[in-house]
Amino acid sequence: MKCYNCGAQLSEVSFCTNCKRDVTLYKKIIYMSNRLYNEGLEKAGVRDLSGAIVSLRQSLRLNKENIDARNLLGLIYYEMGEAAEALSEWVISSNFRDEGNMASEYIGMIQNDHAGFDVLKKCAKDYNGALEMCVQGNKDLAMIRLKKIVQTNSRFVRASQLLALLYMDSSRFDEAEKEISRSLSIDRNNTLSLRYLQTIQNLTDPADSEKKGLFKRDEEPTRYVIDNELIIQPAGVREPRSGSMGTIFNIFIGLILGLAVMYFLVLPTRINAVRDEVKASIEELQTNLDRKNADIDKLQQDLNDVNNERIRLEEELGDYTGEQGTLADIDKLIDAANLLVSTQDYEQVGDMLWEIKSSVDPSQLSESCSRLYDSLLAYVSPQLSERVSSAALGAYYASNFEESGPLFEKAYFFNESNADLIYFAAVSYEKSGDKEKAKKLYRYVIDTYPGTYIEGQSSIALNQLEGENG
């Protein structure tokens, strides 16, 4: 464990032996974070994934740099089908510590499996679409989309839960129970899944059938009095009606004759009429359907054109308003001028001009901004050129080529009349191993300073580098 103040290794005493800071509370926080991580690891081992997520989040709340807890949290999210959340945790973990961190390997595995990751992203996007359909009341379409999601990604717990809820809404309890069982096989103690399962069991329990009207009570026997005698008629038994047998026979004969007349005379005519009406309705519906399809195709084409134009305009707007846009560079230029007027801090103004030059071609700025840029550069260059050149030479002779290359470039930025600066920048990049950058600067020297000594030396160096690649 390292001291939070100076980074020295802590001993068993309650203070840092290097900076003498009291680390008692800090140690308790780190120990508690590690204990919560172990608790989350135990829960994950028995597939209590939702419980493990709670413990790991508490661990990270105490120590956001707990790499093991963050990596395990990402694995749990990935197991539950939440690829985006898993990738987010691993990226944060790799930013805290890059070397010897399993998060980098996890990210590499996902990046190498482009097809698999695209499938997981599509599942997440389709899930959000299904959720929006439910809000709009299109439950049937949402159910169809969720079925495809769980078939593609069977570990997507939230999709299984939402599909089970839609099954319950349509009284398809067996299918709902199947989906809940699928989610519980991944996360055994998921509170929402257990609540859904309990609801399904309550709705399908025969003990509640009387409340649901699934079974009727036995009918009570009928009681009535005739001539001071109590007559009890059993349930389900009905008293036969009295009547003449001849009357019943006549009714039967009349019914047969009526059916015969209907079958041979009325029914064929009615069937033909209905058939003609159905045929006409089908033709009308087909015509309307063709017209609607044509309208839909046209509207879809118009929508595609609008979307393409929107994307183009958003990209064009981003070029102006983004962090690297033209407006941002103009703001930096104005800030540099204000800083020079108020503080005379040549070095900071020079750094700001160097940053602007690195992000945008000054010739692309407006005429007034370009004049301001040139004026500021001309004003601070004499103050900074010698200073940056000395720093670059010091790094070069100390064999610190990774530092001397950018410094020579910056020194040349402030003094373009000194061609040796850009040449030594190319040499530094070559010695530091950045061959492509070195070749680019050698070509610049050859094109800019023909007939000079450094042009000849650059040609020799460039031929050697290209010969190595060849």
Protein backbone atom coordinates (compact mmCIF):
# COMPACT_ATOMS: atom_id res chain seq x y z
CA MET A 1 0.00 0.00 0.00
CA LYS A 2 1.37 3.41 -0.98
CA CYS A 3 0.97 6.77 0.76
CA TYR A 4 -1.75 8.94 -0.75
CA ASN A 5 0.38 12.06 -0.27
CA CYS A 6 3.90 11.18 -1.40
CA GLY A 7 3.51 7.71 -2.96
CA ALA A 8 5.99 6.02 -0.60
CA GLN A 9 5.43 2.43 0.53
CA LEU A 10 3.56 2.36 3.86
CA SER A 11 4.67 0.26 6.81
CA GLU A 12 2.66 -1.17 9.70
CA VAL A 13 2.79 2.09 11.68
CA SER A 14 -0.08 4.57 11.53
CA PHE A 15 1.88 7.28 9.74
CA CYS A 16 3.96 7.57 6.56
CA THR A 17 7.65 7.17 7.34
CA ASN A 18 8.52 9.45 4.42
CA CYS A 19 6.20 12.47 4.73
CA LYS A 20 4.94 11.79 8.32
CA ARG A 21 1.26 12.06 7.30
CA ASP A 22 -1.31 10.21 9.46
CA VAL A 23 -2.65 7.34 7.32
CA THR A 24 -4.84 5.55 9.89
CA LEU A 25 -8.15 6.48 8.25
CA TYR A 26 -6.68 5.99 4.77
CA LYS A 27 -5.67 2.42 5.64
CA LYS A 28 -9.13 1.68 7.01
CA ILE A 29 -10.71 2.90 3.78
CA ILE A 30 -8.39 0.78 1.63
CA TYR A 31 -8.96 -2.31 3.81
CA MET A 32 -12.74 -1.81 3.66
CA SER A 33 -12.57 -1.45 -0.14
CA ASN A 34 -10.61 -4.71 -0.39
CA ARG A 35 -13.06 -6.48 1.94
CA LEU A 36 -16.00 -5.40 -0.21
CA TYR A 37 -14.10 -6.64 -3.27
CA ASN A 38 -13.65 -10.06 -1.64
CA GLU A 39 -17.35 -10.06 -0.75
CA GLY A 40 -18.25 -9.31 -4.37
CA LEU A 41 -15.89 -12.06 -5.55
CA GLU A 42 -17.62 -14.59 -3.27
CA LYS A 43 -21.06 -13.55 -4.52
CA ALA A 44 -19.94 -13.78 -8.13
CA GLY A 45 -18.61 -17.29 -7.41
CA VAL A 46 -22.15 -18.46 -6.53
CA ARG A 47 -23.69 -16.45 -9.44
CA ASP A 48 -25.24 -13.78 -7.20
CA LEU A 49 -24.28 -11.24 -9.86
CA SER A 50 -26.60 -8.41 -8.81
CA GLY A 51 -25.39 -8.72 -5.21
CA ALA A 52 -21.79 -8.76 -6.43
CA ILE A 53 -22.42 -5.54 -8.40
CA VAL A 54 -23.65 -3.79 -5.23
CA SER A 55 -20.56 -4.87 -3.24
CA LEU A 56 -18.13 -3.93 -6.01
CA ARG A 57 -19.69 -0.52 -6.52
CA GLN A 58 -19.35 0.16 -2.79
CA SER A 59 -15.72 -0.96 -3.00
CA LEU A 60 -15.06 1.47 -5.88
CA ARG A 61 -16.85 4.27 -4.04
CA LEU A 62 -14.23 3.91 -1.28
CA ASN A 63 -11.27 3.40 -3.66
CA LYS A 64 -11.85 4.26 -7.29
CA GLU A 65 -8.39 2.91 -8.18
CA ASN A 66 -9.17 -0.63 -6.95
CA ILE A 67 -8.19 -2.29 -10.24
CA ASP A 68 -9.27 -5.81 -9.26
CA ALA A 69 -12.75 -4.65 -8.20
CA ARG A 70 -13.25 -2.62 -11.40
CA ASN A 71 -12.09 -5.48 -13.66
CA LEU A 72 -14.40 -7.94 -11.87
CA LEU A 73 -17.31 -5.50 -12.20
CA GLY A 74 -16.66 -5.33 -15.95
CA LEU A 75 -16.64 -9.15 -16.20
CA ILE A 76 -19.97 -9.36 -14.36
CA TYR A 77 -21.53 -6.77 -16.67
CA TYR A 78 -20.24 -8.72 -19.69
CA GLU A 79 -21.69 -11.96 -18.27
CA MET A 80 -25.10 -10.26 -17.94
CA GLY A 81 -24.97 -9.11 -21.58
CA GLU A 82 -24.10 -5.46 -20.75
CA ALA A 83 -21.08 -5.16 -23.09
CA ALA A 84 -21.03 -1.33 -23.14
CA GLU A 85 -20.93 -1.05 -19.32
CA ALA A 86 -18.22 -3.74 -19.16
CA LEU A 87 -16.07 -1.95 -21.73
CA SER A 88 -16.51 1.34 -19.86
CA GLU A 89 -15.21 -0.17 -16.59
CA TRP A 90 -12.22 -1.77 -18.34
CA VAL A 91 -11.28 1.47 -20.11
CA ILE A 92 -11.33 3.34 -16.77
CA SER A 93 -9.24 0.56 -15.21
CA SER A 94 -6.63 0.68 -17.99
CA ASN A 95 -6.36 4.47 -17.59
CA PHE A 96 -5.47 4.04 -13.91
CA ARG A 97 -2.85 1.37 -14.68
CA ASP A 98 -1.88 0.21 -18.15
CA GLU A 99 0.97 -2.25 -17.54
CA GLY A 100 0.13 -5.64 -16.04
CA ASN A 101 -3.61 -4.90 -16.13
CA MET A 102 -5.99 -7.62 -17.35
CA ALA A 103 -8.41 -4.90 -18.47
CA SER A 104 -6.15 -4.19 -21.46
CA GLU A 105 -6.39 -7.84 -22.50
CA TYR A 106 -10.18 -7.81 -22.11
CA ILE A 107 -10.43 -4.68 -24.28
CA GLY A 108 -8.14 -6.26 -26.87
CA MET A 109 -10.28 -9.42 -26.98
CA ILE A 110 -13.41 -7.34 -27.63
CA GLN A 111 -11.70 -5.20 -30.26
CA ASN A 112 -10.40 -8.28 -32.07
CA ASP A 113 -13.87 -9.85 -32.12
CA HIS A 114 -15.51 -7.13 -34.24
CA ALA A 115 -18.46 -9.29 -35.29
CA GLY A 116 -19.29 -10.39 -31.74
CA PHE A 117 -19.05 -6.87 -30.37
CA ASP A 118 -21.25 -5.52 -33.17
CA VAL A 119 -23.87 -8.15 -32.28
CA LEU A 120 -23.82 -7.07 -28.61
CA LYS A 121 -24.13 -3.39 -29.58
CA LYS A 122 -27.07 -4.18 -31.86
CA CYS A 123 -28.75 -6.14 -29.05
CA ALA A 124 -28.41 -3.16 -26.70
CA LYS A 125 -29.77 -0.80 -29.37
CA ASP A 126 -32.69 -3.14 -30.13
CA TYR A 127 -33.44 -3.44 -26.40
CA ASN A 128 -33.74 0.35 -26.11
CA GLY A 129 -36.01 0.32 -29.15
CA ALA A 130 -38.20 -2.40 -27.60
CA LEU A 131 -38.40 -0.41 -24.37
CA GLU A 132 -39.56 2.64 -26.34
CA MET A 133 -42.17 0.48 -28.12
CA CYS A 134 -43.53 -0.61 -24.72
CA VAL A 135 -43.84 3.02 -23.65
CA GLN A 136 -45.73 3.79 -26.87
CA GLY A 137 -48.04 0.78 -26.37
CA ASN A 138 -46.67 -1.38 -29.24
CA LYS A 139 -46.28 -4.44 -27.01
CA ASP A 140 -46.57 -7.04 -29.78
CA LEU A 141 -43.74 -5.47 -31.80
CA ALA A 142 -41.65 -5.11 -28.64
CA MET A 143 -42.20 -8.81 -27.87
CA ILE A 144 -41.04 -9.84 -31.36
CA ARG A 145 -37.88 -7.72 -31.06
CA LEU A 146 -37.10 -9.03 -27.56
CA LYS A 147 -37.43 -12.64 -28.76
CA LYS A 148 -34.77 -11.96 -31.38
CA ILE A 149 -32.54 -10.32 -28.76
CA VAL A 150 -32.64 -13.26 -26.31
CA GLN A 151 -32.08 -15.69 -29.19
CA THR A 152 -28.98 -13.73 -30.24
CA ASN A 153 -27.69 -12.94 -26.74
CA SER A 154 -29.13 -15.43 -24.25
CA ARG A 155 -27.22 -13.80 -21.36
CA PHE A 156 -28.95 -10.42 -21.70
CA VAL A 157 -30.74 -10.45 -18.33
CA ARG A 158 -32.67 -7.19 -18.76
CA ALA A 159 -34.06 -8.34 -22.13
CA SER A 160 -35.28 -11.64 -20.59
CA GLN A 161 -36.92 -9.74 -17.73
CA LEU A 162 -38.74 -7.34 -20.05
CA LEU A 163 -39.88 -10.20 -22.32
CA ALA A 164 -41.18 -12.09 -19.26
CA LEU A 165 -43.10 -8.99 -18.16
CA LEU A 166 -44.76 -8.75 -21.60
CA TYR A 167 -45.66 -12.46 -21.44
CA MET A 168 -47.24 -11.88 -18.01
CA ASP A 169 -49.18 -8.92 -19.39
CA SER A 170 -50.66 -11.19 -22.08
CA SER A 171 -51.35 -14.03 -19.54
CA ARG A 172 -48.73 -16.34 -21.12
CA PHE A 173 -47.41 -17.41 -17.74
CA ASP A 174 -45.59 -20.58 -18.85
CA GLU A 175 -43.46 -18.65 -21.34
CA ALA A 176 -42.92 -15.89 -18.76
CA GLU A 177 -41.68 -18.44 -16.22
CA LYS A 178 -39.32 -19.89 -18.83
CA GLU A 179 -37.75 -16.46 -19.47
CA ILE A 180 -37.42 -15.72 -15.75
CA SER A 181 -35.75 -19.10 -15.25
CA ARG A 182 -33.30 -18.17 -18.01
CA SER A 183 -32.38 -14.90 -16.26
CA LEU A 184 -32.08 -16.62 -12.86
CA SER A 185 -29.68 -19.19 -14.33
CA ILE A 186 -27.35 -16.25 -15.00
CA ASP A 187 -28.05 -14.14 -11.89
CA ARG A 188 -29.54 -16.33 -9.16
CA ASN A 189 -30.48 -13.62 -6.65
CA ASN A 190 -31.68 -10.90 -9.01
CA THR A 191 -34.38 -9.13 -7.00
CA LEU A 192 -36.49 -8.17 -10.01
CA SER A 193 -36.40 -11.69 -11.48
CA LEU A 194 -37.40 -13.22 -8.14
CA ARG A 195 -40.27 -10.75 -7.80
CA TYR A 196 -41.54 -11.66 -11.28
CA LEU A 197 -41.27 -15.38 -10.49
CA GLN A 198 -43.25 -14.95 -7.27
CA THR A 199 -45.94 -13.01 -9.15
CA ILE A 200 -46.21 -15.77 -11.77
CA GLN A 201 -46.52 -18.44 -9.10
CA ASN A 202 -49.23 -16.46 -7.30
CA LEU A 203 -51.22 -16.00 -10.51
CA THR A 204 -51.00 -19.70 -11.46
CA ASP A 205 -51.58 -21.19 -7.95
CA PRO A 206 -54.81 -23.36 -7.91
CA ALA A 207 -55.46 -22.11 -4.37
CA ASP A 208 -56.35 -18.73 -5.89
CA SER A 209 -58.55 -20.20 -8.63
CA GLU A 210 -61.77 -19.24 -6.85
CA LYS A 211 -60.67 -15.60 -6.86
CA LYS A 212 -59.84 -15.79 -10.56
CA GLY A 213 -63.08 -17.51 -11.52
CA LEU A 214 -61.27 -20.53 -12.96
CA PHE A 215 -63.49 -22.94 -11.02
CA LYS A 216 -67.13 -22.52 -10.03
CA ARG A 217 -68.67 -23.54 -6.70
CA ASP A 218 -70.91 -26.55 -6.58
CA GLU A 219 -74.45 -25.49 -7.28
CA GLU A 220 -76.82 -25.52 -4.32
CA PRO A 221 -79.84 -27.92 -4.49
CA THR A 222 -83.20 -26.31 -5.29
CA ARG A 223 -85.85 -26.33 -2.48
CA TYR A 224 -89.57 -25.56 -2.94
CA VAL A 225 -92.92 -26.49 -1.22
CA ILE A 226 -95.90 -28.26 -2.91
CA ASP A 227 -99.06 -29.04 -0.85
CA ASN A 228 -97.26 -28.41 2.45
CA GLU A 229 -94.45 -30.83 1.44
CA LEU A 230 -90.78 -29.76 1.11
CA ILE A 231 -89.37 -30.87 -2.24
CA ILE A 232 -85.54 -30.92 -2.64
CA GLN A 233 -84.30 -31.14 -6.21
CA PRO A 234 -80.62 -32.22 -6.56
CA ALA A 235 -78.21 -29.82 -8.26
CA GLY A 236 -77.86 -30.33 -11.99
CA VAL A 237 -81.25 -32.05 -12.30
CA ARG A 238 -83.94 -30.21 -14.21
CA GLU A 239 -87.67 -31.00 -14.20
CA PRO A 240 -88.76 -32.24 -17.60
CA ARG A 241 -91.13 -30.00 -19.43
CA SER A 242 -94.61 -31.32 -20.22
CA GLY A 243 -95.92 -31.25 -23.78
CA SER A 244 -97.48 -33.26 -26.58
CA MET A 245 -95.34 -35.60 -28.65
CA GLY A 246 -97.19 -34.55 -31.81
CA THR A 247 -96.38 -30.91 -31.22
CA ILE A 248 -92.70 -31.73 -30.93
CA PHE A 249 -92.85 -33.84 -34.16
CA ASN A 250 -94.53 -31.01 -36.09
CA ILE A 251 -91.95 -28.51 -34.91
CA PHE A 252 -89.20 -30.90 -35.99
CA ILE A 253 -90.71 -31.35 -39.49
CA GLY A 254 -91.10 -27.61 -39.91
CA LEU A 255 -87.51 -27.02 -38.89
CA ILE A 256 -86.29 -29.53 -41.48
CA LEU A 257 -88.38 -27.92 -44.24
CA GLY A 258 -87.13 -24.44 -43.33
CA LEU A 259 -83.52 -25.62 -43.44
CA ALA A 260 -84.09 -27.27 -46.84
CA VAL A 261 -85.57 -24.10 -48.32
CA MET A 262 -82.67 -22.05 -46.94
CA TYR A 263 -80.07 -24.52 -48.23
CA PHE A 264 -81.39 -24.86 -51.78
CA LEU A 265 -82.84 -21.39 -52.45
CA VAL A 266 -81.59 -18.67 -50.15
CA LEU A 267 -78.12 -19.80 -49.17
CA PRO A 268 -76.48 -20.10 -52.66
CA THR A 269 -77.63 -16.61 -53.62
CA ARG A 270 -76.36 -15.18 -50.36
CA ILE A 271 -73.03 -16.99 -50.68
CA ASN A 272 -72.48 -15.62 -54.19
CA ALA A 273 -73.30 -12.10 -53.06
CA VAL A 274 -70.95 -12.35 -50.09
CA ARG A 275 -68.23 -13.81 -52.33
CA ASP A 276 -68.57 -10.88 -54.75
CA GLU A 277 -68.42 -8.40 -51.87
CA VAL A 278 -65.31 -10.06 -50.43
CA LYS A 279 -63.63 -10.13 -53.85
CA ALA A 280 -64.35 -6.43 -54.39
CA SER A 281 -63.07 -5.60 -50.90
CA ILE A 282 -59.88 -7.56 -51.51
CA GLU A 283 -59.25 -5.76 -54.79
CA GLU A 284 -59.84 -2.39 -53.13
CA LEU A 285 -57.54 -3.28 -50.24
CA GLN A 286 -54.84 -4.44 -52.68
CA THR A 287 -55.08 -1.16 -54.58
CA ASN A 288 -54.86 0.84 -51.35
CA LEU A 289 -51.96 -1.31 -50.18
CA ASP A 290 -50.02 -0.71 -53.41
CA ARG A 291 -50.63 3.01 -53.09
CA LYS A 292 -49.53 3.01 -49.44
CA ASN A 293 -46.39 1.01 -50.27
CA ALA A 294 -45.48 3.52 -52.96
CA ASP A 295 -46.05 6.37 -50.51
CA ILE A 296 -43.94 4.60 -47.86
CA ASP A 297 -41.08 4.05 -50.32
CA LYS A 298 -41.12 7.73 -51.27
CA LEU A 299 -41.26 8.83 -47.63
CA GLN A 300 -38.42 6.45 -46.78
CA GLN A 301 -36.29 7.88 -49.57
CA ASP A 302 -37.07 11.42 -48.39
CA LEU A 303 -36.18 10.40 -44.83
CA ASN A 304 -32.86 8.94 -45.98
CA ASP A 305 -32.07 12.16 -47.86
CA VAL A 306 -32.93 14.25 -44.79
CA ASN A 307 -30.81 12.05 -42.53
CA ASN A 308 -27.84 12.27 -44.91
CA GLU A 309 -28.16 16.06 -45.04
CA ARG A 310 -28.45 16.20 -41.23
CA ILE A 311 -25.29 14.12 -40.81
CA ARG A 312 -23.42 16.35 -43.26
CA LEU A 313 -24.53 19.52 -41.48
CA GLU A 314 -23.65 18.07 -38.06
CA GLU A 315 -20.16 17.19 -39.28
CA GLU A 316 -19.75 20.67 -40.78
CA LEU A 317 -20.97 22.25 -37.54
CA GLY A 318 -18.56 20.07 -35.56
CA ASP A 319 -15.66 21.43 -37.63
CA TYR A 320 -16.52 24.89 -36.30
CA THR A 321 -17.76 24.24 -32.76
CA GLY A 322 -15.87 21.11 -31.64
CA GLU A 323 -12.89 21.04 -29.34
CA GLN A 324 -10.61 21.09 -32.40
CA GLY A 325 -12.87 23.39 -34.46
CA THR A 326 -12.13 26.76 -35.97
CA LEU A 327 -14.05 28.68 -33.29
CA ALA A 328 -12.05 26.95 -30.55
CA ASP A 329 -8.79 27.98 -32.24
CA ILE A 330 -9.98 31.57 -32.54
CA ASP A 331 -10.79 31.56 -28.80
CA LYS A 332 -7.29 30.28 -28.05
CA LEU A 333 -5.79 33.03 -30.20
CA ILE A 334 -7.78 35.72 -28.39
CA ASP A 335 -6.81 34.23 -25.01
CA ALA A 336 -3.13 34.34 -26.04
CA ALA A 337 -3.39 38.03 -26.95
CA ASN A 338 -5.13 38.86 -23.65
CA LEU A 339 -2.51 36.92 -21.72
CA LEU A 340 0.35 38.76 -23.44
CA VAL A 341 -1.19 42.16 -22.74
CA SER A 342 -2.02 41.40 -19.11
CA THR A 343 0.97 39.33 -17.91
CA GLN A 344 3.72 39.55 -20.55
CA ASP A 345 4.14 35.77 -20.07
CA TYR A 346 6.03 35.08 -23.30
CA GLU A 347 6.52 31.39 -22.62
CA GLN A 348 2.85 30.62 -22.02
CA VAL A 349 1.79 32.70 -25.03
CA GLY A 350 4.36 30.83 -27.14
CA ASP A 351 2.93 27.50 -25.95
CA MET A 352 -0.57 28.60 -26.91
CA LEU A 353 0.58 29.66 -30.40
CA TRP A 354 2.40 26.33 -30.79
CA GLU A 355 -0.81 24.51 -29.81
CA ILE A 356 -2.85 26.47 -32.36
CA LYS A 357 -0.31 25.72 -35.06
CA SER A 358 -0.42 22.00 -34.19
CA SER A 359 -4.22 21.81 -34.52
CA VAL A 360 -4.95 24.07 -37.50
CA ASP A 361 -3.15 25.60 -40.47
CA PRO A 362 -2.85 29.34 -39.65
CA SER A 363 -3.42 30.14 -43.33
CA GLN A 364 -6.97 28.78 -42.99
CA LEU A 365 -7.87 31.41 -40.39
CA SER A 366 -9.65 34.59 -41.35
CA GLU A 367 -7.54 37.56 -42.48
CA SER A 368 -7.85 39.41 -39.16
CA CYS A 369 -7.10 36.28 -37.09
CA SER A 370 -4.14 35.47 -39.33
CA ARG A 371 -2.70 39.01 -38.84
CA LEU A 372 -3.16 38.67 -35.06
CA TYR A 373 -1.46 35.27 -35.10
CA ASP A 374 1.52 36.59 -37.10
CA SER A 375 1.86 39.63 -34.84
CA LEU A 376 1.86 37.58 -31.65
CA LEU A 377 4.36 35.09 -33.12
CA ALA A 378 6.70 37.86 -34.26
CA TYR A 379 6.50 39.49 -30.82
CA VAL A 380 7.30 36.44 -28.69
CA SER A 381 9.67 34.57 -31.03
CA PRO A 382 12.83 36.57 -30.22
CA GLN A 383 12.16 36.00 -26.50
CA LEU A 384 11.67 32.24 -26.82
CA SER A 385 13.80 31.04 -29.74
CA GLU A 386 17.13 30.98 -27.90
CA ARG A 387 15.61 29.52 -24.74
CA VAL A 388 13.88 26.61 -26.52
CA SER A 389 16.96 25.99 -28.71
CA SER A 390 19.17 25.69 -25.62
CA ALA A 391 16.74 23.24 -24.02
CA ALA A 392 16.66 21.16 -27.22
CA LEU A 393 20.46 21.05 -27.47
CA GLY A 394 20.75 20.08 -23.81
CA ALA A 395 18.35 17.17 -24.31
CA TYR A 396 20.14 16.16 -27.53
CA TYR A 397 23.60 16.01 -26.01
CA ALA A 398 22.14 14.14 -23.04
CA SER A 399 20.90 11.53 -25.60
CA ASN A 400 17.31 12.27 -24.58
CA PHE A 401 16.15 12.17 -28.20
CA GLU A 402 12.47 11.65 -27.41
CA GLU A 403 12.48 15.09 -25.75
CA SER A 404 14.90 16.85 -28.07
CA GLY A 405 12.89 16.10 -31.25
CA PRO A 406 9.74 18.07 -30.25
CA LEU A 407 11.90 20.82 -28.70
CA PHE A 408 13.87 21.32 -31.94
CA GLU A 409 10.57 21.48 -33.86
CA LYS A 410 9.26 24.08 -31.44
CA ALA A 411 12.52 26.08 -31.62
CA TYR A 412 12.26 26.07 -35.44
CA PHE A 413 8.66 27.29 -35.10
CA PHE A 414 9.99 30.41 -33.35
CA ASN A 415 13.01 30.84 -35.65
CA GLU A 416 12.45 29.45 -39.15
CA SER A 417 15.58 31.20 -40.40
CA ASN A 418 17.72 28.63 -38.55
CA ALA A 419 17.50 25.56 -40.81
CA ASP A 420 19.76 23.52 -38.50
CA LEU A 421 16.94 23.33 -35.94
CA ILE A 422 14.55 21.40 -38.19
CA TYR A 423 17.42 19.17 -39.38
CA PHE A 424 18.37 18.25 -35.80
CA ALA A 425 14.68 17.62 -35.09
CA ALA A 426 14.67 15.01 -37.88
CA VAL A 427 17.90 13.46 -36.51
CA SER A 428 16.39 13.28 -33.01
CA TYR A 429 13.26 11.54 -34.25
CA GLU A 430 15.40 9.05 -36.17
CA LYS A 431 17.48 8.26 -33.08
CA SER A 432 14.37 7.92 -30.91
CA GLY A 433 12.91 5.32 -33.31
CA ASP A 434 10.18 7.45 -34.94
CA LYS A 435 11.30 6.72 -38.51
CA GLU A 436 8.15 8.05 -40.23
CA LYS A 437 8.39 11.43 -38.50
CA ALA A 438 12.12 11.60 -39.32
CA LYS A 439 11.51 10.88 -43.02
CA LYS A 440 8.81 13.54 -43.15
CA LEU A 441 11.15 16.20 -41.72
CA TYR A 442 14.07 15.12 -43.96
CA ARG A 443 11.83 15.60 -47.00
CA TYR A 444 10.82 19.03 -45.67
CA VAL A 445 14.50 20.06 -45.38
CA ILE A 446 15.23 18.76 -48.91
CA ASP A 447 12.28 20.70 -50.39
CA THR A 448 12.79 23.90 -48.37
CA TYR A 449 16.57 24.32 -48.37
CA PRO A 450 17.89 23.00 -51.73
CA GLY A 451 21.60 23.31 -52.43
CA THR A 452 22.57 23.61 -48.74
CA TYR A 453 24.79 21.37 -46.64
CA ILE A 454 21.89 20.15 -44.51
CA GLU A 455 19.92 19.34 -47.69
CA GLY A 456 22.73 16.94 -48.70
CA GLN A 457 22.88 15.38 -45.24
CA SER A 458 19.09 14.99 -45.21
CA SER A 459 19.16 13.26 -48.61
CA ILE A 460 21.74 10.75 -47.35
CA ALA A 461 19.77 10.04 -44.17
CA LEU A 462 16.48 9.71 -46.09
CA ASN A 463 18.01 7.25 -48.58
CA GLN A 464 19.33 5.15 -45.71
CA LEU A 465 15.92 5.04 -43.99
CA GLU A 466 14.08 4.15 -47.20
CA GLY A 467 16.74 1.54 -47.97
CA GLU A 468 16.08 -0.10 -44.58
CA ASN A 469 12.34 -0.25 -45.34
CA GLY A 470 13.00 -1.59 -48.83
